[in-house]
PDB file of N, CA and C in Angstrom:
ATOM      1  N   MET A   1      29.714 -28.569 -41.634  1.00  0.00           N
ATOM      2  CA  MET A   1      30.996 -29.344 -41.845  1.00  0.00           C
ATOM      3  C   MET A   1      30.379 -30.408 -43.016  1.00  0.00           C
ATOM      4  N   ALA A   2      31.142 -30.448 -44.009  1.00  0.00           N
ATOM      5  CA  ALA A   2      30.850 -31.158 -45.148  1.00  0.00           C
ATOM      6  C   ALA A   2      30.822 -32.821 -44.692  1.00  0.00           C
ATOM      7  N   PRO A   3      29.882 -33.599 -45.261  1.00  0.00           N
ATOM      8  CA  PRO A   3      29.651 -34.839 -45.049  1.00  0.00           C
ATOM      9  C   PRO A   3      31.303 -35.771 -45.077  1.00  0.00           C
ATOM     10  N   ASP A   4      31.827 -35.309 -46.067  1.00  0.00           N
ATOM     11  CA  ASP A   4      33.144 -36.253 -46.210  1.00  0.00           C
ATOM     12  C   ASP A   4      34.557 -35.348 -45.777  1.00  0.00           C
ATOM     13  N   ALA A   5      33.987 -34.396 -44.866  1.00  0.00           N
ATOM     14  CA  ALA A   5      35.017 -33.778 -44.144  1.00  0.00           C
ATOM     15  C   ALA A   5      35.840 -34.585 -43.212  1.00  0.00           C
ATOM     16  N   SER A   6      37.314 -34.422 -43.275  1.00  0.00           N
ATOM     17  CA  SER A   6      38.169 -35.276 -42.316  1.00  0.00           C
ATOM     18  C   SER A   6      38.409 -34.420 -41.350  1.00  0.00           C
ATOM     19  N   VAL A   7      38.311 -34.726 -39.953  1.00  0.00           N
ATOM     20  CA  VAL A   7      38.324 -34.177 -38.982  1.00  0.00           C
ATOM     21  C   VAL A   7      39.585 -34.467 -38.249  1.00  0.00           C
ATOM     22  N   ALA A   8      40.595 -33.162 -38.113  1.00  0.00           N
ATOM     23  CA  ALA A   8      41.930 -33.297 -37.667  1.00  0.00           C
ATOM     24  C   ALA A   8      42.261 -32.777 -36.035  1.00  0.00           C
ATOM     25  N   HIS A   9      41.206 -31.996 -35.864  1.00  0.00           N
ATOM     26  CA  HIS A   9      41.409 -31.352 -34.474  1.00  0.00           C
ATOM     27  C   HIS A   9      39.880 -31.073 -33.640  1.00  0.00           C
ATOM     28  N   VAL A  10      39.797 -31.673 -32.443  1.00  0.00           N
ATOM     29  CA  VAL A  10      38.588 -31.486 -31.755  1.00  0.00           C
ATOM     30  C   VAL A  10      38.797 -30.647 -30.564  1.00  0.00           C
ATOM     31  N   ALA A  11      37.942 -29.827 -30.093  1.00  0.00           N
ATOM     32  CA  ALA A  11      38.069 -29.076 -28.706  1.00  0.00           C
ATOM     33  C   ALA A  11      36.405 -28.803 -28.100  1.00  0.00           C
ATOM     34  N   LEU A  12      36.523 -29.130 -26.799  1.00  0.00           N
ATOM     35  CA  LEU A  12      35.271 -29.378 -26.156  1.00  0.00           C
ATOM     36  C   LEU A  12      35.326 -28.076 -25.064  1.00  0.00           C
ATOM     37  N   SER A  13      34.196 -27.187 -25.333  1.00  0.00           N
ATOM     38  CA  SER A  13      34.079 -26.225 -24.148  1.00  0.00           C
ATOM     39  C   SER A  13      34.119 -26.737 -22.761  1.00  0.00           C
ATOM     40  N   ARG A  14      34.187 -25.827 -21.711  1.00  0.00           N
ATOM     41  CA  ARG A  14      34.374 -26.337 -20.543  1.00  0.00           C
ATOM     42  C   ARG A  14      33.114 -26.976 -19.973  1.00  0.00           C
ATOM     43  N   ASP A  15      32.145 -26.225 -20.429  1.00  0.00           N
ATOM     44  CA  ASP A  15      30.646 -26.667 -20.053  1.00  0.00           C
ATOM     45  C   ASP A  15      30.034 -27.797 -21.028  1.00  0.00           C
ATOM     46  N   GLY A  16      30.909 -28.309 -21.858  1.00  0.00           N
ATOM     47  CA  GLY A  16      30.755 -29.498 -22.555  1.00  0.00           C
ATOM     48  C   GLY A  16      29.438 -29.129 -23.413  1.00  0.00           C
ATOM     49  N   ARG A  17      28.844 -27.844 -23.772  1.00  0.00           N
ATOM     50  CA  ARG A  17      28.202 -27.444 -24.473  1.00  0.00           C
ATOM     51  C   ARG A  17      28.200 -27.211 -26.139  1.00  0.00           C
ATOM     52  N   LEU A  18      29.700 -27.115 -26.410  1.00  0.00           N
ATOM     53  CA  LEU A  18      30.110 -26.753 -27.733  1.00  0.00           C
ATOM     54  C   LEU A  18      31.179 -27.424 -28.063  1.00  0.00           C
ATOM     55  N   VAL A  19      31.288 -28.191 -29.192  1.00  0.00           N
ATOM     56  CA  VAL A  19      32.512 -28.862 -29.723  1.00  0.00           C
ATOM     57  C   VAL A  19      32.851 -28.199 -30.938  1.00  0.00           C
ATOM     58  N   ALA A  20      34.057 -27.931 -31.001  1.00  0.00           N
ATOM     59  CA  ALA A  20      34.727 -27.284 -32.358  1.00  0.00           C
ATOM     60  C   ALA A  20      35.704 -28.234 -33.195  1.00  0.00           C
ATOM     61  N   PHE A  21      35.589 -28.244 -34.291  1.00  0.00           N
ATOM     62  CA  PHE A  21      36.144 -29.477 -35.223  1.00  0.00           C
ATOM     63  C   PHE A  21      37.056 -28.739 -36.173  1.00  0.00           C
ATOM     64  N   GLY A  22      38.293 -28.930 -36.160  1.00  0.00           N
ATOM     65  CA  GLY A  22      39.141 -28.308 -37.010  1.00  0.00           C
ATOM     66  C   GLY A  22      39.258 -29.517 -38.489  1.00  0.00           C
ATOM     67  N   THR A  23      39.162 -28.880 -39.556  1.00  0.00           N
ATOM     68  CA  THR A  23      39.062 -29.897 -40.914  1.00  0.00           C
ATOM     69  C   THR A  23      40.014 -29.376 -41.924  1.00  0.00           C
ATOM     70  N   GLY A  24      40.043 -29.978 -42.879  1.00  0.00           N
ATOM     71  CA  GLY A  24      40.755 -29.583 -44.237  1.00  0.00           C
ATOM     72  C   GLY A  24      40.168 -28.291 -44.655  1.00  0.00           C
ATOM     73  N   ASP A  25      38.911 -27.991 -44.450  1.00  0.00           N
ATOM     74  CA  ASP A  25      38.214 -27.110 -44.959  1.00  0.00           C
ATOM     75  C   ASP A  25      37.987 -25.809 -43.934  1.00  0.00           C
ATOM     76  N   GLY A  26      38.266 -25.952 -42.779  1.00  0.00           N
ATOM     77  CA  GLY A  26      38.398 -24.888 -41.719  1.00  0.00           C
ATOM     78  C   GLY A  26      37.786 -25.323 -40.479  1.00  0.00           C
ATOM     79  N   VAL A  27      36.791 -24.622 -39.737  1.00  0.00           N
ATOM     80  CA  VAL A  27      36.512 -24.939 -38.382  1.00  0.00           C
ATOM     81  C   VAL A  27      34.969 -24.943 -38.287  1.00  0.00           C
ATOM     82  N   SER A  28      34.484 -25.655 -37.635  1.00  0.00           N
ATOM     83  CA  SER A  28      32.911 -26.024 -37.505  1.00  0.00           C
ATOM     84  C   SER A  28      32.745 -26.125 -35.818  1.00  0.00           C
ATOM     85  N   ILE A  29      31.481 -25.544 -35.459  1.00  0.00           N
ATOM     86  CA  ILE A  29      31.117 -25.666 -34.074  1.00  0.00           C
ATOM     87  C   ILE A  29      29.656 -26.336 -33.868  1.00  0.00           C
ATOM     88  N   TRP A  30      29.709 -27.463 -33.372  1.00  0.00           N
ATOM     89  CA  TRP A  30      28.661 -28.245 -32.934  1.00  0.00           C
ATOM     90  C   TRP A  30      28.010 -27.655 -31.540  1.00  0.00           C
ATOM     91  N   ASP A  31      26.663 -27.287 -31.650  1.00  0.00           N
ATOM     92  CA  ASP A  31      26.211 -27.118 -30.342  1.00  0.00           C
ATOM     93  C   ASP A  31      25.234 -28.331 -30.019  1.00  0.00           C
ATOM     94  N   VAL A  32      25.824 -28.950 -28.810  1.00  0.00           N
ATOM     95  CA  VAL A  32      25.405 -30.015 -28.483  1.00  0.00           C
ATOM     96  C   VAL A  32      23.927 -30.003 -27.745  1.00  0.00           C
ATOM     97  N   GLU A  33      23.571 -29.131 -27.374  1.00  0.00           N
ATOM     98  CA  GLU A  33      22.113 -28.994 -26.554  1.00  0.00           C
ATOM     99  C   GLU A  33      21.147 -28.508 -27.644  1.00  0.00           C
ATOM    100  N   ALA A  34      21.503 -27.887 -28.666  1.00  0.00           N
ATOM    101  CA  ALA A  34      20.781 -27.320 -29.861  1.00  0.00           C
ATOM    102  C   ALA A  34      20.848 -28.326 -31.095  1.00  0.00           C
ATOM    103  N   ASN A  35      21.683 -29.197 -31.085  1.00  0.00           N
ATOM    104  CA  ASN A  35      22.032 -30.309 -32.222  1.00  0.00           C
ATOM    105  C   ASN A  35      22.029 -29.455 -33.321  1.00  0.00           C
ATOM    106  N   THR A  36      22.947 -28.397 -33.517  1.00  0.00           N
ATOM    107  CA  THR A  36      23.059 -27.485 -34.591  1.00  0.00           C
ATOM    108  C   THR A  36      24.730 -27.493 -34.979  1.00  0.00           C
ATOM    109  N   CYS A  37      25.075 -27.493 -36.140  1.00  0.00           N
ATOM    110  CA  CYS A  37      26.397 -27.465 -36.521  1.00  0.00           C
ATOM    111  C   CYS A  37      26.775 -26.263 -37.607  1.00  0.00           C
ATOM    112  N   ARG A  38      27.746 -25.195 -37.167  1.00  0.00           N
ATOM    113  CA  ARG A  38      27.771 -24.491 -38.429  1.00  0.00           C
ATOM    114  C   ARG A  38      29.354 -24.208 -38.438  1.00  0.00           C
ATOM    115  N   MET A  39      29.332 -23.883 -39.803  1.00  0.00           N
ATOM    116  CA  MET A  39      30.935 -23.622 -40.355  1.00  0.00           C
ATOM    117  C   MET A  39      31.170 -22.123 -40.166  1.00  0.00           C
ATOM    118  N   LEU A  40      32.336 -22.062 -39.560  1.00  0.00           N
ATOM    119  CA  LEU A  40      32.842 -20.717 -39.398  1.00  0.00           C
ATOM    120  C   LEU A  40      33.451 -20.068 -40.468  1.00  0.00           C
ATOM    121  N   THR A  41      33.347 -18.889 -41.138  1.00  0.00           N
ATOM    122  CA  THR A  41      33.690 -18.335 -42.313  1.00  0.00           C
ATOM    123  C   THR A  41      34.744 -17.337 -42.214  1.00  0.00           C
ATOM    124  N   GLY A  42      35.655 -17.275 -42.975  1.00  0.00           N
ATOM    125  CA  GLY A  42      36.739 -16.341 -43.048  1.00  0.00           C
ATOM    126  C   GLY A  42      38.098 -17.005 -42.960  1.00  0.00           C
ATOM    127  N   LEU A  43      38.170 -18.264 -42.752  1.00  0.00           N
ATOM    128  CA  LEU A  43      39.448 -19.188 -42.844  1.00  0.00           C
ATOM    129  C   LEU A  43      39.634 -19.625 -44.302  1.00  0.00           C
ATOM    130  N   LYS A  44      40.910 -19.486 -44.676  1.00  0.00           N
ATOM    131  CA  LYS A  44      41.468 -20.157 -46.058  1.00  0.00           C
ATOM    132  C   LYS A  44      42.376 -21.568 -45.556  1.00  0.00           C
ATOM    133  N   GLY A  45      42.009 -22.703 -46.007  1.00  0.00           N
ATOM    134  CA  GLY A  45      42.723 -23.700 -45.934  1.00  0.00           C
ATOM    135  C   GLY A  45      42.722 -24.440 -44.721  1.00  0.00           C
ATOM    136  N   ARG A  46      43.701 -25.371 -44.507  1.00  0.00           N
ATOM    137  CA  ARG A  46      43.437 -26.396 -43.499  1.00  0.00           C
ATOM    138  C   ARG A  46      43.780 -25.925 -42.106  1.00  0.00           C
ATOM    139  N   THR A  47      42.957 -26.402 -41.062  1.00  0.00           N
ATOM    140  CA  THR A  47      43.096 -25.962 -39.598  1.00  0.00           C
ATOM    141  C   THR A  47      44.229 -26.637 -39.108  1.00  0.00           C
ATOM    142  N   VAL A  48      44.942 -26.234 -38.451  1.00  0.00           N
ATOM    143  CA  VAL A  48      46.161 -26.871 -37.638  1.00  0.00           C
ATOM    144  C   VAL A  48      45.712 -27.201 -36.216  1.00  0.00           C
ATOM    145  N   SER A  49      45.005 -26.417 -35.433  1.00  0.00           N
ATOM    146  CA  SER A  49      44.516 -26.602 -34.266  1.00  0.00           C
ATOM    147  C   SER A  49      43.518 -25.806 -33.884  1.00  0.00           C
ATOM    148  N   VAL A  50      42.818 -26.037 -32.870  1.00  0.00           N
ATOM    149  CA  VAL A  50      41.414 -25.317 -32.237  1.00  0.00           C
ATOM    150  C   VAL A  50      41.362 -25.614 -30.887  1.00  0.00           C
ATOM    151  N   ALA A  51      40.979 -24.356 -30.038  1.00  0.00           N
ATOM    152  CA  ALA A  51      40.880 -24.421 -28.611  1.00  0.00           C
ATOM    153  C   ALA A  51      39.943 -23.305 -28.134  1.00  0.00           C
ATOM    154  N   PHE A  52      39.270 -23.725 -27.033  1.00  0.00           N
ATOM    155  CA  PHE A  52      38.428 -22.649 -26.415  1.00  0.00           C
ATOM    156  C   PHE A  52      39.174 -22.076 -25.391  1.00  0.00           C
ATOM    157  N   THR A  53      38.799 -20.775 -25.033  1.00  0.00           N
ATOM    158  CA  THR A  53      39.352 -20.025 -23.945  1.00  0.00           C
ATOM    159  C   THR A  53      38.740 -20.504 -22.759  1.00  0.00           C
ATOM    160  N   ARG A  54      39.525 -20.264 -21.581  1.00  0.00           N
ATOM    161  CA  ARG A  54      39.013 -20.786 -20.380  1.00  0.00           C
ATOM    162  C   ARG A  54      37.615 -20.619 -19.856  1.00  0.00           C
ATOM    163  N   ASP A  55      37.104 -19.356 -20.244  1.00  0.00           N
ATOM    164  CA  ASP A  55      35.917 -19.161 -19.731  1.00  0.00           C
ATOM    165  C   ASP A  55      34.838 -19.583 -20.944  1.00  0.00           C
ATOM    166  N   GLY A  56      35.210 -20.196 -21.894  1.00  0.00           N
ATOM    167  CA  GLY A  56      34.570 -20.552 -23.230  1.00  0.00           C
ATOM    168  C   GLY A  56      33.681 -19.519 -23.935  1.00  0.00           C
ATOM    169  N   ARG A  57      33.887 -18.538 -23.933  1.00  0.00           N
ATOM    170  CA  ARG A  57      33.423 -17.526 -24.681  1.00  0.00           C
ATOM    171  C   ARG A  57      33.908 -17.245 -25.965  1.00  0.00           C
ATOM    172  N   HIS A  58      35.336 -17.701 -26.327  1.00  0.00           N
ATOM    173  CA  HIS A  58      36.098 -17.492 -27.310  1.00  0.00           C
ATOM    174  C   HIS A  58      36.479 -18.766 -28.101  1.00  0.00           C
ATOM    175  N   LEU A  59      36.836 -18.891 -29.295  1.00  0.00           N
ATOM    176  CA  LEU A  59      37.573 -19.971 -29.728  1.00  0.00           C
ATOM    177  C   LEU A  59      38.779 -19.623 -30.554  1.00  0.00           C
ATOM    178  N   VAL A  60      39.850 -20.213 -30.311  1.00  0.00           N
ATOM    179  CA  VAL A  60      41.169 -19.735 -31.030  1.00  0.00           C
ATOM    180  C   VAL A  60      41.341 -21.058 -32.118  1.00  0.00           C
ATOM    181  N   SER A  61      41.696 -20.585 -33.424  1.00  0.00           N
ATOM    182  CA  SER A  61      42.064 -21.615 -34.422  1.00  0.00           C
ATOM    183  C   SER A  61      43.567 -21.195 -34.941  1.00  0.00           C
ATOM    184  N   THR A  62      44.259 -22.088 -35.515  1.00  0.00           N
ATOM    185  CA  THR A  62      45.577 -21.659 -36.261  1.00  0.00           C
ATOM    186  C   THR A  62      45.367 -22.600 -37.433  1.00  0.00           C
ATOM    187  N   GLY A  63      45.788 -21.911 -38.701  1.00  0.00           N
ATOM    188  CA  GLY A  63      45.755 -22.425 -40.021  1.00  0.00           C
ATOM    189  C   GLY A  63      47.167 -22.680 -40.540  1.00  0.00           C
ATOM    190  N   ILE A  64      47.150 -23.628 -41.685  1.00  0.00           N
ATOM    191  CA  ILE A  64      48.400 -24.015 -42.269  1.00  0.00           C
ATOM    192  C   ILE A  64      49.009 -22.985 -42.849  1.00  0.00           C
ATOM    193  N   ASP A  65      48.449 -21.845 -42.869  1.00  0.00           N
ATOM    194  CA  ASP A  65      49.065 -20.711 -43.605  1.00  0.00           C
ATOM    195  C   ASP A  65      49.554 -19.646 -42.534  1.00  0.00           C
ATOM    196  N   ARG A  66      49.588 -20.267 -41.083  1.00  0.00           N
ATOM    197  CA  ARG A  66      50.338 -19.540 -39.806  1.00  0.00           C
ATOM    198  C   ARG A  66      49.297 -18.417 -39.400  1.00  0.00           C
ATOM    199  N   THR A  67      47.961 -18.508 -40.004  1.00  0.00           N
ATOM    200  CA  THR A  67      46.978 -17.434 -39.364  1.00  0.00           C
ATOM    201  C   THR A  67      46.548 -17.850 -37.886  1.00  0.00           C
ATOM    202  N   ILE A  68      46.423 -16.900 -37.169  1.00  0.00           N
ATOM    203  CA  ILE A  68      45.758 -17.170 -35.962  1.00  0.00           C
ATOM    204  C   ILE A  68      44.297 -16.342 -36.205  1.00  0.00           C
ATOM    205  N   ALA A  69      43.174 -17.167 -35.620  1.00  0.00           N
ATOM    206  CA  ALA A  69      41.700 -16.692 -35.831  1.00  0.00           C
ATOM    207  C   ALA A  69      41.138 -16.872 -34.367  1.00  0.00           C
ATOM    208  N   LEU A  70      40.446 -15.665 -34.151  1.00  0.00           N
ATOM    209  CA  LEU A  70      39.660 -15.742 -32.789  1.00  0.00           C
ATOM    210  C   LEU A  70      38.195 -15.373 -33.062  1.00  0.00           C
ATOM    211  N   TRP A  71      37.396 -16.381 -32.534  1.00  0.00           N
ATOM    212  CA  TRP A  71      35.982 -16.450 -32.590  1.00  0.00           C
ATOM    213  C   TRP A  71      35.223 -16.026 -31.669  1.00  0.00           C
ATOM    214  N   ASP A  72      33.812 -15.756 -31.792  1.00  0.00           N
ATOM    215  CA  ASP A  72      33.076 -15.424 -30.577  1.00  0.00           C
ATOM    216  C   ASP A  72      32.481 -16.937 -30.583  1.00  0.00           C
ATOM    217  N   ALA A  73      32.349 -17.643 -29.518  1.00  0.00           N
ATOM    218  CA  ALA A  73      32.107 -19.146 -29.415  1.00  0.00           C
ATOM    219  C   ALA A  73      30.416 -19.300 -29.696  1.00  0.00           C
ATOM    220  N   ALA A  74      29.582 -18.259 -29.101  1.00  0.00           N
ATOM    221  CA  ALA A  74      28.397 -18.268 -29.092  1.00  0.00           C
ATOM    222  C   ALA A  74      27.823 -18.056 -30.563  1.00  0.00           C
ATOM    223  N   THR A  75      28.253 -16.800 -31.010  1.00  0.00           N
ATOM    224  CA  THR A  75      27.798 -16.663 -32.428  1.00  0.00           C
ATOM    225  C   THR A  75      28.491 -17.082 -33.723  1.00  0.00           C
ATOM    226  N   GLY A  76      29.763 -17.663 -33.357  1.00  0.00           N
ATOM    227  CA  GLY A  76      30.542 -18.021 -34.567  1.00  0.00           C
ATOM    228  C   GLY A  76      31.065 -16.781 -35.309  1.00  0.00           C
ATOM    229  N   ARG A  77      30.870 -15.484 -34.806  1.00  0.00           N
ATOM    230  CA  ARG A  77      31.534 -14.469 -35.516  1.00  0.00           C
ATOM    231  C   ARG A  77      33.111 -14.338 -35.313  1.00  0.00           C
ATOM    232  N   PRO A  78      33.820 -14.066 -36.455  1.00  0.00           N
ATOM    233  CA  PRO A  78      35.219 -13.623 -36.388  1.00  0.00           C
ATOM    234  C   PRO A  78      35.397 -12.338 -35.578  1.00  0.00           C
ATOM    235  N   LEU A  79      36.542 -12.403 -34.609  1.00  0.00           N
ATOM    236  CA  LEU A  79      36.850 -11.112 -33.788  1.00  0.00           C
ATOM    237  C   LEU A  79      38.093 -10.667 -34.566  1.00  0.00           C
ATOM    238  N   PRO A  80      38.355  -9.328 -34.513  1.00  0.00           N
ATOM    239  CA  PRO A  80      39.592  -8.747 -35.192  1.00  0.00           C
ATOM    240  C   PRO A  80      40.747  -9.089 -34.557  1.00  0.00           C
ATOM    241  N   THR A  81      41.870  -9.681 -35.290  1.00  0.00           N
ATOM    242  CA  THR A  81      43.122 -10.078 -34.729  1.00  0.00           C
ATOM    243  C   THR A  81      44.053  -9.934 -36.134  1.00  0.00           C
ATOM    244  N   ASP A  82      45.293  -9.500 -35.832  1.00  0.00           N
ATOM    245  CA  ASP A  82      46.373  -9.619 -36.872  1.00  0.00           C
ATOM    246  C   ASP A  82      47.322 -10.498 -36.736  1.00  0.00           C
ATOM    247  N   ALA A  83      47.166 -11.454 -35.775  1.00  0.00           N
ATOM    248  CA  ALA A  83      48.165 -12.387 -35.114  1.00  0.00           C
ATOM    249  C   ALA A  83      48.577 -13.338 -36.058  1.00  0.00           C
ATOM    250  N   ARG A  84      49.702 -13.812 -36.266  1.00  0.00           N
ATOM    251  CA  ARG A  84      50.200 -14.667 -37.223  1.00  0.00           C
ATOM    252  C   ARG A  84      51.189 -15.544 -36.249  1.00  0.00           C
ATOM    253  N   LEU A  85      51.250 -16.975 -36.580  1.00  0.00           N
ATOM    254  CA  LEU A  85      52.309 -17.756 -35.928  1.00  0.00           C
ATOM    255  C   LEU A  85      53.962 -17.464 -36.571  1.00  0.00           C
ATOM    256  N   PRO A  86      54.722 -17.412 -35.803  1.00  0.00           N
ATOM    257  CA  PRO A  86      56.154 -16.936 -36.281  1.00  0.00           C
ATOM    258  C   PRO A  86      56.675 -18.038 -37.456  1.00  0.00           C
ATOM    259  N   GLY A  87      57.280 -17.732 -38.359  1.00  0.00           N
ATOM    260  CA  GLY A  87      57.891 -18.679 -39.503  1.00  0.00           C
ATOM    261  C   GLY A  87      58.380 -17.785 -40.437  1.00  0.00           C
ATOM    262  N   PRO A  88      58.939 -18.464 -41.527  1.00  0.00           N
ATOM    263  CA  PRO A  88      59.313 -17.997 -42.702  1.00  0.00           C
ATOM    264  C   PRO A  88      58.085 -17.458 -43.609  1.00  0.00           C
ATOM    265  N   GLY A  89      58.289 -16.420 -44.378  1.00  0.00           N
ATOM    266  CA  GLY A  89      57.550 -16.234 -45.345  1.00  0.00           C
ATOM    267  C   GLY A  89      56.513 -14.833 -44.760  1.00  0.00           C
TER     268      GLY A  89
END
């Protein structure tokens, strides 16, 4: 995450080990135990929301462009999805 990034959304995994941040630049995951932070790739534009699945294995994010992204929370790798939020366009 860029030092000047504005954090708009935060999600905490159930075990408290991972924290996801939605920013104007995308999504970052902070591993609290390892004290590392990585930017997830594949998103374009501002993040609208982030949430971990109940089992903590995946992270879901939505973007201003109505895309829905699914991530492997442990690796940060994007998982295939064609989902989009409903709306015009």
